[in-house]
Amino acid sequence: MLTLDFVPGAPNWIDLGSPDVVAAAEFYGRVLGWEHVPLGPEAGGYGFFQREGRTVAAVGPLSEPGAASAWTVYFATPDAESTARRVTEAGGTVRLEPFDVFTSGRMAQLTDPHGAEFAVWQAGNLLGVDEVSSVGALTWIELHSPVADASSFYGSVLSWDVVTIEGAPGRFFRPAGTGAGRFFGAAVEDSSAYWLPYFEVADPDHAAGASEVLVEPYDLDGVGRIAVLADPFGARFGVMRSVTP
């Protein structure tokens, strides 16, 4: 499961790029119970999503030419430059070179060899989100890719353990050297490449009723009740009521 122990390779931040930050914030407020906290003009329209005063995600205007609205998952790194070099050496792309975000940390925007976009965060004053694996917070992530072994790229650049589990399809991810309880995501074969975040909710059917539904709510034995949705601008996300949040 996701935890707030942001060891190298663990997911530690997530944000949404949207063409209309205000409308997106209103949507996620209705569906996930989030409050939008703008960071002021100096942040260029960027702001936090909070639940009960704790930051669970962030949102900002689209900054890359031609970019579509989407969620971006960030992974912890002790050295953004070194990770960016490994991405290039492994056949990926550095879309945005490492740079400082005030004193909060250092980040880079990256793309894997098959087209899935992600980012890394080298913590400064800001270690990461304040909450995971609870209602309203990030609880799971999936790598969708048309290439069955796409996860091997991440094993090399982010030092993940990429593991198969008897009786379960696909490959599962955890930070290197951690135990079975630290699995935070999995690979899913798909026709296109992207990262799909899942947020914990009390009622996936209620969330689906307020969103565009890509995958209708269904029960997955031993995992929980799940749905895949899209916001008004097409950004995909999942919701989950976990068996054991």
Protein backbone atom coordinates (compact mmCIF):
# COMPACT_ATOMS: atom_id res chain seq x y z
CA MET A 1 0.00 0.00 0.00
CA LEU A 2 1.01 3.63 -0.32
CA THR A 3 2.55 5.16 2.77
CA LEU A 4 4.05 8.50 3.81
CA ASP A 5 7.48 6.89 4.05
CA PHE A 6 8.75 8.42 0.83
CA VAL A 7 11.73 6.18 0.20
CA PRO A 8 13.37 6.44 -3.26
CA GLY A 9 10.98 5.24 -5.96
CA ALA A 10 7.81 5.64 -3.89
CA PRO A 11 4.97 7.85 -5.15
CA ASN A 12 5.18 11.11 -3.20
CA TRP A 13 3.14 13.70 -5.13
CA ILE A 14 0.35 13.93 -7.70
CA ASP A 15 -1.04 16.85 -9.61
CA LEU A 16 -3.60 17.65 -12.29
CA GLY A 17 -2.98 19.79 -15.34
CA SER A 18 -6.24 21.39 -16.43
CA PRO A 19 -7.38 24.02 -18.95
CA ASP A 20 -9.76 25.44 -16.31
CA VAL A 21 -8.43 25.16 -12.76
CA VAL A 22 -11.52 26.70 -11.16
CA ALA A 23 -13.98 24.38 -12.92
CA ALA A 24 -11.77 21.35 -12.23
CA ALA A 25 -11.60 22.29 -8.55
CA GLU A 26 -15.39 22.54 -8.38
CA PHE A 27 -15.73 19.09 -9.95
CA TYR A 28 -13.29 17.36 -7.60
CA GLY A 29 -14.84 19.16 -4.66
CA ARG A 30 -18.18 17.56 -5.50
CA VAL A 31 -16.82 14.10 -6.33
CA LEU A 32 -13.96 13.67 -3.84
CA GLY A 33 -14.75 16.27 -1.18
CA TRP A 34 -11.62 18.34 -1.83
CA GLU A 35 -11.01 21.99 -1.03
CA HIS A 36 -8.97 24.03 -3.51
CA VAL A 37 -6.23 26.15 -1.91
CA PRO A 38 -4.59 28.51 -4.45
CA LEU A 39 -0.95 29.39 -3.75
CA GLY A 40 -1.11 32.93 -5.11
CA PRO A 41 0.08 34.74 -8.25
CA GLU A 42 3.74 33.80 -7.73
CA ALA A 43 2.78 30.11 -8.17
CA GLY A 44 1.38 30.71 -11.66
CA GLY A 45 -2.11 29.40 -10.91
CA TYR A 46 -0.89 26.29 -9.07
CA GLY A 47 -2.68 25.25 -5.91
CA PHE A 48 -3.31 22.39 -3.52
CA PHE A 49 -6.26 20.05 -3.15
CA GLN A 50 -6.90 19.44 0.54
CA ARG A 51 -9.25 17.29 2.58
CA GLU A 52 -9.76 18.15 6.24
CA GLY A 53 -6.78 20.49 6.06
CA ARG A 54 -4.34 17.92 4.67
CA THR A 55 -2.90 18.14 1.17
CA VAL A 56 -3.83 15.13 -0.96
CA ALA A 57 -3.03 16.42 -4.48
CA ALA A 58 -2.48 19.60 -6.47
CA VAL A 59 -3.74 21.34 -9.61
CA GLY A 60 -2.37 23.85 -12.08
CA PRO A 61 -2.94 25.18 -15.59
CA LEU A 62 -1.60 23.25 -18.56
CA SER A 63 1.90 24.46 -19.36
CA GLU A 64 3.12 22.26 -22.24
CA PRO A 65 2.01 23.16 -25.80
CA GLY A 66 -0.66 20.76 -27.02
CA ALA A 67 -0.96 19.02 -23.65
CA ALA A 68 -4.23 17.33 -22.73
CA SER A 69 -5.70 17.48 -19.26
CA ALA A 70 -4.24 14.63 -17.20
CA TRP A 71 -3.04 13.54 -13.78
CA THR A 72 0.72 13.24 -13.26
CA VAL A 73 2.21 10.92 -10.64
CA TYR A 74 5.56 11.92 -9.08
CA PHE A 75 8.08 9.48 -7.62
CA ALA A 76 10.62 10.25 -4.92
CA THR A 77 14.25 10.60 -5.92
CA PRO A 78 17.33 11.74 -3.99
CA ASP A 79 18.79 13.24 -7.18
CA ALA A 80 16.55 14.52 -10.00
CA GLU A 81 19.50 15.03 -12.37
CA SER A 82 20.71 11.47 -11.96
CA THR A 83 17.22 10.08 -12.51
CA ALA A 84 16.74 12.20 -15.64
CA ARG A 85 20.02 10.84 -17.04
CA ARG A 86 18.93 7.26 -16.35
CA VAL A 87 15.63 7.92 -18.11
CA THR A 88 17.45 9.06 -21.24
CA GLU A 89 19.90 6.16 -21.10
CA ALA A 90 16.98 3.70 -20.81
CA GLY A 91 15.23 5.10 -23.89
CA GLY A 92 12.86 7.57 -22.25
CA THR A 93 12.50 11.32 -22.73
CA VAL A 94 13.11 14.30 -20.47
CA ARG A 95 10.23 16.65 -21.28
CA LEU A 96 11.26 19.23 -18.69
CA GLU A 97 14.77 19.31 -17.29
CA PRO A 98 15.20 19.29 -13.49
CA PHE A 99 14.49 22.65 -11.86
CA ASP A 100 13.90 24.10 -8.41
CA VAL A 101 10.40 24.86 -7.15
CA PHE A 102 11.23 27.68 -4.73
CA THR A 103 12.62 25.89 -1.65
CA SER A 104 9.99 23.12 -1.80
CA GLY A 105 12.07 20.73 -3.88
CA ARG A 106 13.38 19.90 -7.32
CA MET A 107 11.41 18.22 -10.07
CA ALA A 108 11.62 16.89 -13.63
CA GLN A 109 8.92 15.90 -16.12
CA LEU A 110 9.63 12.62 -17.94
CA THR A 111 8.17 10.14 -20.43
CA ASP A 112 8.86 6.41 -20.60
CA PRO A 113 9.88 4.74 -23.91
CA HIS A 114 6.27 3.78 -24.66
CA GLY A 115 4.70 7.21 -24.07
CA ALA A 116 3.51 7.18 -20.46
CA GLU A 117 4.25 10.52 -18.78
CA PHE A 118 5.41 10.81 -15.16
CA ALA A 119 7.56 13.04 -12.96
CA VAL A 120 10.08 12.85 -10.13
CA TRP A 121 10.30 14.95 -6.98
CA GLN A 122 13.50 15.58 -5.03
CA ALA A 123 12.20 16.85 -1.72
CA GLY A 124 13.32 20.11 -0.15
CA ASN A 125 10.96 21.66 2.38
CA LEU A 126 8.07 19.67 0.92
CA LEU A 127 8.41 15.92 1.33
CA GLY A 128 5.19 15.06 -0.48
CA VAL A 129 1.45 14.84 0.07
CA ASP A 130 0.10 14.80 3.62
CA GLU A 131 -2.23 11.82 3.25
CA VAL A 132 -2.43 8.56 1.28
CA SER A 133 -4.49 5.36 1.51
CA SER A 134 -7.44 7.04 3.24
CA VAL A 135 -10.76 8.44 2.02
CA GLY A 136 -10.12 11.28 -0.42
CA ALA A 137 -6.44 10.42 -0.92
CA LEU A 138 -4.34 8.53 -3.44
CA THR A 139 -4.53 4.80 -2.78
CA TRP A 140 -3.19 2.95 -5.89
CA ILE A 141 -1.65 3.63 -9.30
CA GLU A 142 -1.60 1.67 -12.55
CA LEU A 143 0.78 1.81 -15.48
CA HIS A 144 -1.25 1.26 -18.65
CA SER A 145 0.88 0.33 -21.64
CA PRO A 146 0.65 -1.58 -24.92
CA VAL A 147 3.98 -3.23 -24.03
CA ALA A 148 3.78 -6.15 -21.60
CA ASP A 149 7.21 -5.58 -20.05
CA ALA A 150 6.99 -1.74 -19.86
CA SER A 151 7.52 -1.88 -16.09
CA SER A 152 11.14 -3.04 -16.54
CA PHE A 153 12.05 0.54 -17.53
CA TYR A 154 10.90 1.80 -14.14
CA GLY A 155 12.75 -0.96 -12.34
CA SER A 156 15.96 0.38 -13.83
CA VAL A 157 15.40 4.14 -13.49
CA LEU A 158 13.54 4.23 -10.15
CA SER A 159 15.00 1.12 -8.49
CA TRP A 160 11.70 -0.69 -8.09
CA ASP A 161 11.14 -4.31 -7.33
CA VAL A 162 8.87 -5.49 -10.17
CA VAL A 163 7.14 -8.64 -8.96
CA THR A 164 4.64 -11.21 -10.20
CA ILE A 165 2.15 -12.62 -7.69
CA GLU A 166 0.76 -16.12 -8.01
CA GLY A 167 -2.88 -16.02 -9.04
CA ALA A 168 -2.84 -12.32 -9.97
CA PRO A 169 -2.38 -10.97 -13.50
CA GLY A 170 0.36 -8.51 -14.44
CA ARG A 171 3.33 -7.15 -12.55
CA PHE A 172 3.30 -5.29 -9.26
CA PHE A 173 5.59 -2.47 -8.02
CA ARG A 174 7.21 -1.65 -4.70
CA PRO A 175 10.27 0.40 -3.71
CA ALA A 176 13.41 -1.73 -3.84
CA GLY A 177 14.16 -3.67 -0.68
CA THR A 178 10.72 -3.20 0.90
CA GLY A 179 8.25 -5.93 1.78
CA ALA A 180 4.98 -7.19 0.30
CA GLY A 181 3.02 -4.57 2.25
CA ARG A 182 4.63 -1.81 0.19
CA PHE A 183 3.12 -2.66 -3.21
CA PHE A 184 1.73 0.63 -4.54
CA GLY A 185 0.79 -0.15 -8.14
CA ALA A 186 0.62 -2.55 -11.04
CA ALA A 187 1.03 -2.79 -14.82
CA VAL A 188 -2.01 -3.20 -17.07
CA GLU A 189 -1.90 -3.96 -20.79
CA ASP A 190 -3.77 -1.31 -22.77
CA SER A 191 -3.83 0.17 -26.26
CA SER A 192 -2.28 3.43 -25.05
CA ALA A 193 0.32 4.41 -22.45
CA TYR A 194 -0.52 6.44 -19.34
CA TRP A 195 -0.50 6.38 -15.55
CA LEU A 196 -3.90 6.00 -13.87
CA PRO A 197 -4.27 7.15 -10.24
CA TYR A 198 -6.94 5.73 -7.92
CA PHE A 199 -8.39 7.70 -5.02
CA GLU A 200 -10.02 6.08 -1.99
CA VAL A 201 -13.74 6.88 -1.65
CA ALA A 202 -16.54 5.76 0.63
CA ASP A 203 -18.95 5.16 -2.28
CA PRO A 204 -17.63 4.52 -5.83
CA ASP A 205 -21.18 4.42 -7.22
CA HIS A 206 -21.86 7.92 -5.92
CA ALA A 207 -18.61 9.20 -7.47
CA ALA A 208 -19.53 7.53 -10.77
CA GLY A 209 -22.94 9.21 -10.71
CA ALA A 210 -21.26 12.63 -10.74
CA SER A 211 -18.67 11.89 -13.45
CA GLU A 212 -18.16 10.58 -16.94
CA VAL A 213 -17.84 6.81 -16.47
CA LEU A 214 -15.14 4.95 -18.40
CA VAL A 215 -15.45 1.68 -16.46
CA GLU A 216 -18.66 1.07 -14.52
CA PRO A 217 -18.31 0.30 -10.79
CA TYR A 218 -17.49 -3.36 -10.15
CA ASP A 219 -16.32 -5.55 -7.28
CA LEU A 220 -12.85 -7.09 -7.40
CA ASP A 221 -12.47 -9.97 -5.00
CA GLY A 222 -10.02 -9.23 -2.20
CA VAL A 223 -9.46 -5.65 -3.40
CA GLY A 224 -12.70 -3.69 -3.20
CA ARG A 225 -15.20 -1.83 -5.38
CA ILE A 226 -13.67 0.11 -8.26
CA ALA A 227 -14.66 2.47 -11.07
CA VAL A 228 -12.70 4.43 -13.68
CA LEU A 229 -13.93 7.94 -14.42
CA ALA A 230 -13.05 11.12 -16.29
CA ASP A 231 -13.39 14.73 -15.24
CA PRO A 232 -15.11 17.35 -17.47
CA PHE A 233 -11.83 17.97 -19.35
CA GLY A 234 -11.01 14.32 -20.01
CA ALA A 235 -8.48 13.61 -17.24
CA ARG A 236 -8.79 9.94 -16.26
CA PHE A 237 -8.80 8.73 -12.67
CA GLY A 238 -10.03 5.77 -10.70
CA VAL A 239 -11.95 5.51 -7.44
CA MET A 240 -11.82 2.61 -5.03
CA ARG A 241 -13.48 1.51 -1.83
CA SER A 242 -10.81 -0.81 -0.56
CA VAL A 243 -11.53 -3.97 1.35
CA THR A 244 -8.84 -2.77 3.77
CA PRO A 245 -8.18 0.97 3.13
